[in-house]
C-alpha cells in the first residue's frame, strides 16, 4: 500500500500525437464529404431540381466520407513507429 502512494502517477494516452492528428484529419475529411452532399433542395416540392443528382452530391461527397472513415480507422489501428518502451525491472512488468 505504501508503495503505491510513493509512486508518481503518470498520465498516458492510448495513442500518440500522430494518431490523434490522423483522427482529426479523418473526421474533417468526413465532415467535408457531408458538406459536399448537402443542399440541392427545391423551395417548391412540385418543381424538379436536377441539381440533386450532381457529381458533387452523388460521387464526390460519398468518396470523401468513406475516405474519412478509412483514415479514422487507420488512425485507431496504427501502431507507433518507435514501439513501446520495455519495463526496466520485474516490478514494473508485474504492474502492467
PDB file of N, CA and C in Angstrom:
ATOM      1  N   UNK A   1       0.821  -1.184   0.000  1.00  0.00           N
ATOM      2  CA  UNK A   1       0.000   0.000   0.000  1.00  0.00           C
ATOM      3  C   UNK A   1       0.868   1.252   0.000  1.00  0.00           C
ATOM      4  N   UNK A   2       1.942   1.223   0.779  1.00  0.00           N
ATOM      5  CA  UNK A   2       2.829   2.383   0.841  1.00  0.00           C
ATOM      6  C   UNK A   2       3.556   2.578  -0.483  1.00  0.00           C
ATOM      7  N   UNK A   3       3.782   1.480  -1.220  1.00  0.00           N
ATOM      8  CA  UNK A   3       4.466   1.595  -2.494  1.00  0.00           C
ATOM      9  C   UNK A   3       3.649   2.409  -3.505  1.00  0.00           C
ATOM     10  N   UNK A   4       2.353   2.221  -3.490  1.00  0.00           N
ATOM     11  CA  UNK A   4       1.503   2.924  -4.434  1.00  0.00           C
ATOM     12  C   UNK A   4       1.438   4.419  -4.133  1.00  0.00           C
ATOM     13  N   UNK A   5       1.527   4.793  -2.883  1.00  0.00           N
ATOM     14  CA  UNK A   5       1.484   6.213  -2.530  1.00  0.00           C
ATOM     15  C   UNK A   5       2.774   6.916  -2.930  1.00  0.00           C
ATOM     16  N   UNK A   6       3.888   6.217  -2.892  1.00  0.00           N
ATOM     17  CA  UNK A   6       5.173   6.823  -3.209  1.00  0.00           C
ATOM     18  C   UNK A   6       5.416   6.932  -4.712  1.00  0.00           C
ATOM     19  N   UNK A   7       4.721   6.152  -5.507  1.00  0.00           N
ATOM     20  CA  UNK A   7       4.924   6.181  -6.945  1.00  0.00           C
ATOM     21  C   UNK A   7       4.250   7.406  -7.553  1.00  0.00           C
ATOM     22  N   UNK A   8       4.871   7.944  -8.578  1.00  0.00           N
ATOM     23  CA  UNK A   8       4.282   9.064  -9.301  1.00  0.00           C
ATOM     24  C   UNK A   8       3.258   8.516 -10.283  1.00  0.00           C
ATOM     25  N   UNK A   9       2.138   9.187 -10.341  1.00  0.00           N
ATOM     26  CA  UNK A   9       1.142   8.769 -11.330  1.00  0.00           C
ATOM     27  C   UNK A   9       1.389   9.557 -12.612  1.00  0.00           C
ATOM     28  N   UNK A  10       1.567   8.831 -13.683  1.00  0.00           N
ATOM     29  CA  UNK A  10       1.802   9.479 -14.967  1.00  0.00           C
ATOM     30  C   UNK A  10       0.577   9.280 -15.842  1.00  0.00           C
ATOM     31  N   UNK A  11       0.222  10.311 -16.539  1.00  0.00           N
ATOM     32  CA  UNK A  11      -0.913  10.264 -17.440  1.00  0.00           C
ATOM     33  C   UNK A  11      -0.436   9.769 -18.798  1.00  0.00           C
ATOM     34  N   UNK A  12      -0.969   8.665 -19.232  1.00  0.00           N
ATOM     35  CA  UNK A  12      -0.599   8.134 -20.546  1.00  0.00           C
ATOM     36  C   UNK A  12      -1.849   8.057 -21.404  1.00  0.00           C
ATOM     37  N   UNK A  13      -1.712   8.486 -22.636  1.00  0.00           N
ATOM     38  CA  UNK A  13      -2.811   8.433 -23.581  1.00  0.00           C
ATOM     39  C   UNK A  13      -2.728   7.124 -24.357  1.00  0.00           C
ATOM     40  N   UNK A  14      -3.868   6.614 -24.821  1.00  0.00           N
ATOM     41  CA  UNK A  14      -3.839   5.339 -25.540  1.00  0.00           C
ATOM     42  C   UNK A  14      -3.179   5.420 -26.910  1.00  0.00           C
ATOM     43  N   UNK A  15      -3.104   6.623 -27.488  1.00  0.00           N
ATOM     44  CA  UNK A  15      -2.495   6.782 -28.803  1.00  0.00           C
ATOM     45  C   UNK A  15      -1.489   7.928 -28.749  1.00  0.00           C
ATOM     46  N   UNK A  16      -0.650   7.997 -29.760  1.00  0.00           N
ATOM     47  CA  UNK A  16       0.341   9.074 -29.844  1.00  0.00           C
ATOM     48  C   UNK A  16      -0.221  10.262 -30.612  1.00  0.00           C
ATOM     49  N   UNK A  17       0.574  11.328 -30.651  1.00  0.00           N
ATOM     50  CA  UNK A  17       0.141  12.565 -31.300  1.00  0.00           C
ATOM     51  C   UNK A  17      -0.189  12.343 -32.773  1.00  0.00           C
ATOM     52  N   UNK A  18       0.620  11.535 -33.455  1.00  0.00           N
ATOM     53  CA  UNK A  18       0.379  11.276 -34.877  1.00  0.00           C
ATOM     54  C   UNK A  18      -0.979  10.621 -35.086  1.00  0.00           C
ATOM     55  N   UNK A  19      -1.346   9.714 -34.184  1.00  0.00           N
ATOM     56  CA  UNK A  19      -2.630   9.041 -34.298  1.00  0.00           C
ATOM     57  C   UNK A  19      -3.783  10.029 -34.127  1.00  0.00           C
ATOM     58  N   UNK A  20      -3.651  10.932 -33.162  1.00  0.00           N
ATOM     59  CA  UNK A  20      -4.705  11.918 -32.949  1.00  0.00           C
ATOM     60  C   UNK A  20      -4.808  12.889 -34.122  1.00  0.00           C
ATOM     61  N   UNK A  21      -3.681  13.235 -34.719  1.00  0.00           N
ATOM     62  CA  UNK A  21      -3.716  14.122 -35.885  1.00  0.00           C
ATOM     63  C   UNK A  21      -4.420  13.438 -37.062  1.00  0.00           C
ATOM     64  N   UNK A  22      -4.130  12.156 -37.262  1.00  0.00           N
ATOM     65  CA  UNK A  22      -4.831  11.397 -38.307  1.00  0.00           C
ATOM     66  C   UNK A  22      -6.325  11.295 -38.004  1.00  0.00           C
ATOM     67  N   UNK A  23      -6.663  11.099 -36.740  1.00  0.00           N
ATOM     68  CA  UNK A  23      -8.061  11.000 -36.336  1.00  0.00           C
ATOM     69  C   UNK A  23      -8.799  12.297 -36.641  1.00  0.00           C
ATOM     70  N   UNK A  24      -8.210  13.428 -36.288  1.00  0.00           N
ATOM     71  CA  UNK A  24      -8.831  14.727 -36.559  1.00  0.00           C
ATOM     72  C   UNK A  24      -8.938  14.950 -38.063  1.00  0.00           C
ATOM     73  N   UNK A  25      -7.904  14.580 -38.814  1.00  0.00           N
ATOM     74  CA  UNK A  25      -7.948  14.717 -40.268  1.00  0.00           C
ATOM     75  C   UNK A  25      -9.051  13.871 -40.885  1.00  0.00           C
ATOM     76  N   UNK A  26      -9.237  12.659 -40.397  1.00  0.00           N
ATOM     77  CA  UNK A  26     -10.291  11.793 -40.910  1.00  0.00           C
ATOM     78  C   UNK A  26     -11.680  12.329 -40.611  1.00  0.00           C
ATOM     79  N   UNK A  27     -11.856  12.883 -39.419  1.00  0.00           N
ATOM     80  CA  UNK A  27     -13.157  13.464 -39.067  1.00  0.00           C
ATOM     81  C   UNK A  27     -13.437  14.685 -39.949  1.00  0.00           C
ATOM     82  N   UNK A  28     -12.417  15.522 -40.157  1.00  0.00           N
ATOM     83  CA  UNK A  28     -12.605  16.696 -41.017  1.00  0.00           C
ATOM     84  C   UNK A  28     -12.895  16.292 -42.466  1.00  0.00           C
ATOM     85  N   UNK A  29     -12.244  15.233 -42.933  1.00  0.00           N
ATOM     86  CA  UNK A  29     -12.497  14.740 -44.286  1.00  0.00           C
ATOM     87  C   UNK A  29     -13.935  14.241 -44.416  1.00  0.00           C
ATOM     88  N   UNK A  30     -14.427  13.549 -43.408  1.00  0.00           N
ATOM     89  CA  UNK A  30     -15.812  13.080 -43.421  1.00  0.00           C
ATOM     90  C   UNK A  30     -16.788  14.253 -43.385  1.00  0.00           C
ATOM     91  N   UNK A  31     -16.500  15.243 -42.556  1.00  0.00           N
ATOM     92  CA  UNK A  31     -17.370  16.422 -42.498  1.00  0.00           C
ATOM     93  C   UNK A  31     -17.409  17.153 -43.839  1.00  0.00           C
ATOM     94  N   UNK A  32     -16.264  17.234 -44.503  1.00  0.00           N
ATOM     95  CA  UNK A  32     -16.213  17.864 -45.813  1.00  0.00           C
ATOM     96  C   UNK A  32     -17.081  17.093 -46.812  1.00  0.00           C
ATOM     97  N   UNK A  33     -17.058  15.775 -46.723  1.00  0.00           N
ATOM     98  CA  UNK A  33     -17.911  14.955 -47.593  1.00  0.00           C
ATOM     99  C   UNK A  33     -19.386  15.197 -47.328  1.00  0.00           C
ATOM    100  N   UNK A  34     -19.771  15.340 -46.059  1.00  0.00           N
ATOM    101  CA  UNK A  34     -21.179  15.626 -45.751  1.00  0.00           C
ATOM    102  C   UNK A  34     -21.577  17.017 -46.227  1.00  0.00           C
ATOM    103  N   UNK A  35     -20.648  17.964 -46.153  1.00  0.00           N
ATOM    104  CA  UNK A  35     -20.928  19.304 -46.675  1.00  0.00           C
ATOM    105  C   UNK A  35     -21.121  19.243 -48.190  1.00  0.00           C
ATOM    106  N   UNK A  36     -20.311  18.441 -48.880  1.00  0.00           N
ATOM    107  CA  UNK A  36     -20.471  18.286 -50.329  1.00  0.00           C
ATOM    108  C   UNK A  36     -21.832  17.696 -50.684  1.00  0.00           C
ATOM    109  N   UNK A  37     -22.350  16.807 -49.847  1.00  0.00           N
ATOM    110  CA  UNK A  37     -23.632  16.161 -50.145  1.00  0.00           C
ATOM    111  C   UNK A  37     -24.837  17.019 -49.770  1.00  0.00           C
ATOM    112  N   UNK A  38     -24.647  18.082 -49.024  1.00  0.00           N
ATOM    113  CA  UNK A  38     -25.777  18.883 -48.554  1.00  0.00           C
ATOM    114  C   UNK A  38     -26.293  19.809 -49.650  1.00  0.00           C
ATOM    115  N   UNK A  39     -27.502  20.306 -49.440  1.00  0.00           N
ATOM    116  CA  UNK A  39     -28.100  21.283 -50.359  1.00  0.00           C
ATOM    117  C   UNK A  39     -28.795  20.632 -51.523  1.00  0.00           C
ATOM    118  N   UNK A  40     -29.189  21.467 -52.464  1.00  0.00           N
ATOM    119  CA  UNK A  40     -29.841  20.976 -53.675  1.00  0.00           C
ATOM    120  C   UNK A  40     -31.340  20.810 -53.554  1.00  0.00           C
ATOM    121  N   UNK A  41     -31.901  21.183 -52.419  1.00  0.00           N
ATOM    122  CA  UNK A  41     -33.345  21.038 -52.247  1.00  0.00           C
ATOM    123  C   UNK A  41     -34.065  22.165 -52.973  1.00  0.00           C
ATOM    124  N   UNK A  42     -35.268  21.884 -53.412  1.00  0.00           N
ATOM    125  CA  UNK A  42     -36.079  22.868 -54.116  1.00  0.00           C
ATOM    126  C   UNK A  42     -37.023  23.541 -53.120  1.00  0.00           C
ATOM    127  N   UNK A  43     -37.282  24.808 -53.333  1.00  0.00           N
ATOM    128  CA  UNK A  43     -38.228  25.516 -52.472  1.00  0.00           C
ATOM    129  C   UNK A  43     -39.651  25.027 -52.696  1.00  0.00           C
ATOM    130  N   UNK A  44     -39.962  24.684 -53.920  1.00  0.00           N
ATOM    131  CA  UNK A  44     -41.297  24.199 -54.273  1.00  0.00           C
ATOM    132  C   UNK A  44     -41.215  22.691 -54.512  1.00  0.00           C
ATOM    133  N   UNK A  45     -41.949  21.885 -53.745  1.00  0.00           N
ATOM    134  CA  UNK A  45     -41.863  20.425 -53.928  1.00  0.00           C
ATOM    135  C   UNK A  45     -42.416  19.935 -55.266  1.00  0.00           C
ATOM    136  N   UNK A  46     -43.161  20.772 -55.991  1.00  0.00           N
ATOM    137  CA  UNK A  46     -43.722  20.374 -57.283  1.00  0.00           C
ATOM    138  C   UNK A  46     -42.757  20.617 -58.437  1.00  0.00           C
ATOM    139  N   UNK A  47     -41.610  21.253 -58.159  1.00  0.00           N
ATOM    140  CA  UNK A  47     -40.647  21.578 -59.205  1.00  0.00           C
ATOM    141  C   UNK A  47     -39.449  20.641 -59.069  1.00  0.00           C
ATOM    142  N   UNK A  48     -39.077  20.040 -60.199  1.00  0.00           N
ATOM    143  CA  UNK A  48     -37.921  19.134 -60.215  1.00  0.00           C
ATOM    144  C   UNK A  48     -36.622  19.934 -60.273  1.00  0.00           C
ATOM    145  N   UNK A  49     -35.671  19.585 -59.416  1.00  0.00           N
ATOM    146  CA  UNK A  49     -34.375  20.260 -59.392  1.00  0.00           C
ATOM    147  C   UNK A  49     -33.289  19.240 -59.738  1.00  0.00           C
ATOM    148  N   UNK A  50     -32.702  19.318 -60.947  1.00  0.00           N
ATOM    149  CA  UNK A  50     -31.686  18.326 -61.336  1.00  0.00           C
ATOM    150  C   UNK A  50     -30.377  18.466 -60.565  1.00  0.00           C
ATOM    151  N   UNK A  51     -30.223  19.527 -59.797  1.00  0.00           N
ATOM    152  CA  UNK A  51     -29.006  19.745 -59.002  1.00  0.00           C
ATOM    153  C   UNK A  51     -28.830  18.655 -57.927  1.00  0.00           C
ATOM    154  N   UNK A  52     -29.905  17.981 -57.572  1.00  0.00           N
ATOM    155  CA  UNK A  52     -29.829  16.913 -56.570  1.00  0.00           C
ATOM    156  C   UNK A  52     -28.908  15.795 -57.037  1.00  0.00           C
ATOM    157  N   UNK A  53     -28.859  15.563 -58.321  1.00  0.00           N
ATOM    158  CA  UNK A  53     -28.068  14.466 -58.878  1.00  0.00           C
ATOM    159  C   UNK A  53     -26.753  14.938 -59.487  1.00  0.00           C
ATOM    160  N   UNK A  54     -26.165  15.974 -58.928  1.00  0.00           N
ATOM    161  CA  UNK A  54     -24.896  16.479 -59.456  1.00  0.00           C
ATOM    162  C   UNK A  54     -23.737  15.564 -59.041  1.00  0.00           C
ATOM    163  N   UNK A  55     -22.635  15.671 -59.753  1.00  0.00           N
ATOM    164  CA  UNK A  55     -21.445  14.865 -59.471  1.00  0.00           C
ATOM    165  C   UNK A  55     -20.962  15.081 -58.041  1.00  0.00           C
ATOM    166  N   UNK A  56     -21.032  16.315 -57.587  1.00  0.00           N
ATOM    167  CA  UNK A  56     -20.547  16.652 -56.243  1.00  0.00           C
ATOM    168  C   UNK A  56     -21.346  15.921 -55.166  1.00  0.00           C
ATOM    169  N   UNK A  57     -22.659  15.818 -55.332  1.00  0.00           N
ATOM    170  CA  UNK A  57     -23.509  15.193 -54.311  1.00  0.00           C
ATOM    171  C   UNK A  57     -23.558  13.669 -54.412  1.00  0.00           C
ATOM    172  N   UNK A  58     -23.501  13.148 -55.613  1.00  0.00           N
ATOM    173  CA  UNK A  58     -23.662  11.706 -55.803  1.00  0.00           C
ATOM    174  C   UNK A  58     -22.342  10.947 -55.695  1.00  0.00           C
ATOM    175  N   UNK A  59     -21.248  11.532 -56.156  1.00  0.00           N
ATOM    176  CA  UNK A  59     -19.981  10.808 -56.214  1.00  0.00           C
ATOM    177  C   UNK A  59     -18.927  11.368 -55.270  1.00  0.00           C
ATOM    178  N   UNK A  60     -18.652  12.649 -55.380  1.00  0.00           N
ATOM    179  CA  UNK A  60     -17.551  13.250 -54.629  1.00  0.00           C
ATOM    180  C   UNK A  60     -17.793  13.230 -53.113  1.00  0.00           C
ATOM    181  N   UNK A  61     -18.985  13.585 -52.689  1.00  0.00           N
ATOM    182  CA  UNK A  61     -19.306  13.604 -51.260  1.00  0.00           C
ATOM    183  C   UNK A  61     -19.143  12.238 -50.592  1.00  0.00           C
ATOM    184  N   UNK A  62     -19.771  11.190 -51.128  1.00  0.00           N
ATOM    185  CA  UNK A  62     -19.602   9.868 -50.516  1.00  0.00           C
ATOM    186  C   UNK A  62     -18.159   9.352 -50.542  1.00  0.00           C
ATOM    187  N   UNK A  63     -17.400   9.687 -51.577  1.00  0.00           N
ATOM    188  CA  UNK A  63     -15.994   9.270 -51.629  1.00  0.00           C
ATOM    189  C   UNK A  63     -15.217   9.926 -50.481  1.00  0.00           C
ATOM    190  N   UNK A  64     -15.473  11.200 -50.227  1.00  0.00           N
ATOM    191  CA  UNK A  64     -14.810  11.891 -49.124  1.00  0.00           C
ATOM    192  C   UNK A  64     -15.212  11.294 -47.775  1.00  0.00           C
ATOM    193  N   UNK A  65     -16.487  10.969 -47.613  1.00  0.00           N
ATOM    194  CA  UNK A  65     -16.956  10.395 -46.346  1.00  0.00           C
ATOM    195  C   UNK A  65     -16.313   9.029 -46.107  1.00  0.00           C
ATOM    196  N   UNK A  66     -16.322   8.172 -47.095  1.00  0.00           N
ATOM    197  CA  UNK A  66     -15.719   6.837 -46.942  1.00  0.00           C
ATOM    198  C   UNK A  66     -14.214   6.959 -46.724  1.00  0.00           C
ATOM    199  N   UNK A  67     -13.567   7.870 -47.454  1.00  0.00           N
ATOM    200  CA  UNK A  67     -12.136   8.106 -47.239  1.00  0.00           C
ATOM    201  C   UNK A  67     -11.853   8.588 -45.818  1.00  0.00           C
ATOM    202  N   UNK A  68     -12.706   9.455 -45.301  1.00  0.00           N
ATOM    203  CA  UNK A  68     -12.548   9.922 -43.919  1.00  0.00           C
ATOM    204  C   UNK A  68     -12.696   8.790 -42.916  1.00  0.00           C
ATOM    205  N   UNK A  69     -13.661   7.911 -43.149  1.00  0.00           N
ATOM    206  CA  UNK A  69     -13.844   6.761 -42.255  1.00  0.00           C
ATOM    207  C   UNK A  69     -12.619   5.838 -42.298  1.00  0.00           C
ATOM    208  N   UNK A  70     -12.047   5.655 -43.464  1.00  0.00           N
ATOM    209  CA  UNK A  70     -10.859   4.813 -43.593  1.00  0.00           C
ATOM    210  C   UNK A  70      -9.684   5.439 -42.848  1.00  0.00           C
ATOM    211  N   UNK A  71      -9.522   6.764 -42.958  1.00  0.00           N
ATOM    212  CA  UNK A  71      -8.433   7.446 -42.254  1.00  0.00           C
ATOM    213  C   UNK A  71      -8.630   7.338 -40.739  1.00  0.00           C
ATOM    214  N   UNK A  72      -9.873   7.478 -40.266  1.00  0.00           N
ATOM    215  CA  UNK A  72     -10.150   7.335 -38.831  1.00  0.00           C
ATOM    216  C   UNK A  72      -9.809   5.920 -38.373  1.00  0.00           C
ATOM    217  N   UNK A  73     -10.201   4.920 -39.123  1.00  0.00           N
ATOM    218  CA  UNK A  73      -9.898   3.531 -38.768  1.00  0.00           C
ATOM    219  C   UNK A  73      -8.395   3.285 -38.752  1.00  0.00           C
ATOM    220  N   UNK A  74      -7.683   3.836 -39.730  1.00  0.00           N
ATOM    221  CA  UNK A  74      -6.228   3.675 -39.761  1.00  0.00           C
ATOM    222  C   UNK A  74      -5.577   4.369 -38.562  1.00  0.00           C
ATOM    223  N   UNK A  75      -6.109   5.515 -38.161  1.00  0.00           N
ATOM    224  CA  UNK A  75      -5.523   6.224 -37.025  1.00  0.00           C
ATOM    225  C   UNK A  75      -5.711   5.447 -35.730  1.00  0.00           C
ATOM    226  N   UNK A  76      -6.785   4.709 -35.619  1.00  0.00           N
ATOM    227  CA  UNK A  76      -7.022   3.918 -34.409  1.00  0.00           C
ATOM    228  C   UNK A  76      -6.147   2.671 -34.397  1.00  0.00           C
ATOM    229  N   UNK A  77      -5.984   2.028 -35.534  1.00  0.00           N
ATOM    230  CA  UNK A  77      -5.253   0.760 -35.595  1.00  0.00           C
ATOM    231  C   UNK A  77      -3.752   0.913 -35.776  1.00  0.00           C
ATOM    232  N   UNK A  78      -3.280   2.103 -36.130  1.00  0.00           N
ATOM    233  CA  UNK A  78      -1.857   2.321 -36.411  1.00  0.00           C
ATOM    234  C   UNK A  78      -1.018   2.214 -35.141  1.00  0.00           C
ATOM    235  N   UNK A  79       0.042   1.448 -35.222  1.00  0.00           N
ATOM    236  CA  UNK A  79       0.965   1.313 -34.100  1.00  0.00           C
ATOM    237  C   UNK A  79       2.042   2.378 -34.209  1.00  0.00           C
ATOM    238  N   UNK A  80       2.589   2.818 -33.082  1.00  0.00           N
ATOM    239  CA  UNK A  80       3.664   3.820 -33.141  1.00  0.00           C
ATOM    240  C   UNK A  80       4.912   3.251 -33.798  1.00  0.00           C
ATOM    241  N   UNK A  81       5.664   4.114 -34.500  1.00  0.00           N
ATOM    242  CA  UNK A  81       6.859   3.662 -35.202  1.00  0.00           C
ATOM    243  C   UNK A  81       7.960   3.233 -34.244  1.00  0.00           C
ATOM    244  N   UNK A  82       8.150   3.970 -33.156  1.00  0.00           N
ATOM    245  CA  UNK A  82       9.225   3.688 -32.218  1.00  0.00           C
ATOM    246  C   UNK A  82       8.963   2.480 -31.336  1.00  0.00           C
ATOM    247  N   UNK A  83       7.744   2.033 -31.276  1.00  0.00           N
ATOM    248  CA  UNK A  83       7.402   0.919 -30.403  1.00  0.00           C
ATOM    249  C   UNK A  83       7.200   1.396 -28.980  1.00  0.00           C
ATOM    250  N   UNK A  84       6.930   0.467 -28.101  1.00  0.00           N
ATOM    251  CA  UNK A  84       6.736   0.832 -26.706  1.00  0.00           C
ATOM    252  C   UNK A  84       8.000   0.557 -25.929  1.00  0.00           C
ATOM    253  N   UNK A  85       8.187   1.307 -24.875  1.00  0.00           N
ATOM    254  CA  UNK A  85       9.369   1.154 -24.044  1.00  0.00           C
ATOM    255  C   UNK A  85       9.196  -0.064 -23.142  1.00  0.00           C
ATOM    256  N   UNK A  86      10.198  -0.908 -23.094  1.00  0.00           N
ATOM    257  CA  UNK A  86      10.136  -2.104 -22.259  1.00  0.00           C
ATOM    258  C   UNK A  86      10.327  -1.721 -20.796  1.00  0.00           C
ATOM    259  N   UNK A  87       9.652  -2.410 -19.875  1.00  0.00           N
ATOM    260  CA  UNK A  87       9.846  -2.135 -18.459  1.00  0.00           C
ATOM    261  C   UNK A  87      11.291  -2.405 -18.046  1.00  0.00           C
ATOM    262  N   UNK A  88      11.799  -1.562 -17.132  1.00  0.00           N
ATOM    263  CA  UNK A  88      13.194  -1.685 -16.746  1.00  0.00           C
ATOM    264  C   UNK A  88      13.444  -2.791 -15.724  1.00  0.00           C
ATOM    265  N   UNK A  89      12.450  -3.094 -14.913  1.00  0.00           N
ATOM    266  CA  UNK A  89      12.645  -4.162 -13.941  1.00  0.00           C
ATOM    267  C   UNK A  89      11.389  -5.004 -13.832  1.00  0.00           C
ATOM    268  N   UNK A  90      11.483  -6.099 -13.090  1.00  0.00           N
ATOM    269  CA  UNK A  90      10.376  -7.042 -12.994  1.00  0.00           C
ATOM    270  C   UNK A  90       9.169  -6.458 -12.238  1.00  0.00           C
ATOM    271  N   UNK A  91       9.405  -5.519 -11.314  1.00  0.00           N
ATOM    272  CA  UNK A  91       8.305  -4.920 -10.560  1.00  0.00           C
ATOM    273  C   UNK A  91       7.409  -4.103 -11.487  1.00  0.00           C
ATOM    274  N   UNK A  92       8.013  -3.358 -12.392  1.00  0.00           N
ATOM    275  CA  UNK A  92       7.220  -2.591 -13.356  1.00  0.00           C
ATOM    276  C   UNK A  92       6.471  -3.517 -14.305  1.00  0.00           C
ATOM    277  N   UNK A  93       7.083  -4.608 -14.670  1.00  0.00           N
ATOM    278  CA  UNK A  93       6.451  -5.562 -15.577  1.00  0.00           C
ATOM    279  C   UNK A  93       5.248  -6.219 -14.916  1.00  0.00           C
ATOM    280  N   UNK A  94       5.334  -6.491 -13.603  1.00  0.00           N
ATOM    281  CA  UNK A  94       4.249  -7.125 -12.892  1.00  0.00           C
ATOM    282  C   UNK A  94       3.055  -6.187 -12.779  1.00  0.00           C
ATOM    283  N   UNK A  95       3.289  -4.866 -12.698  1.00  0.00           N
ATOM    284  CA  UNK A  95       2.212  -3.909 -12.588  1.00  0.00           C
ATOM    285  C   UNK A  95       1.449  -3.756 -13.882  1.00  0.00           C
ATOM    286  N   UNK A  96       2.117  -3.980 -15.004  1.00  0.00           N
ATOM    287  CA  UNK A  96       1.459  -3.832 -16.303  1.00  0.00           C
ATOM    288  C   UNK A  96       0.583  -5.027 -16.519  1.00  0.00           C
TER     289      UNK A  96
END
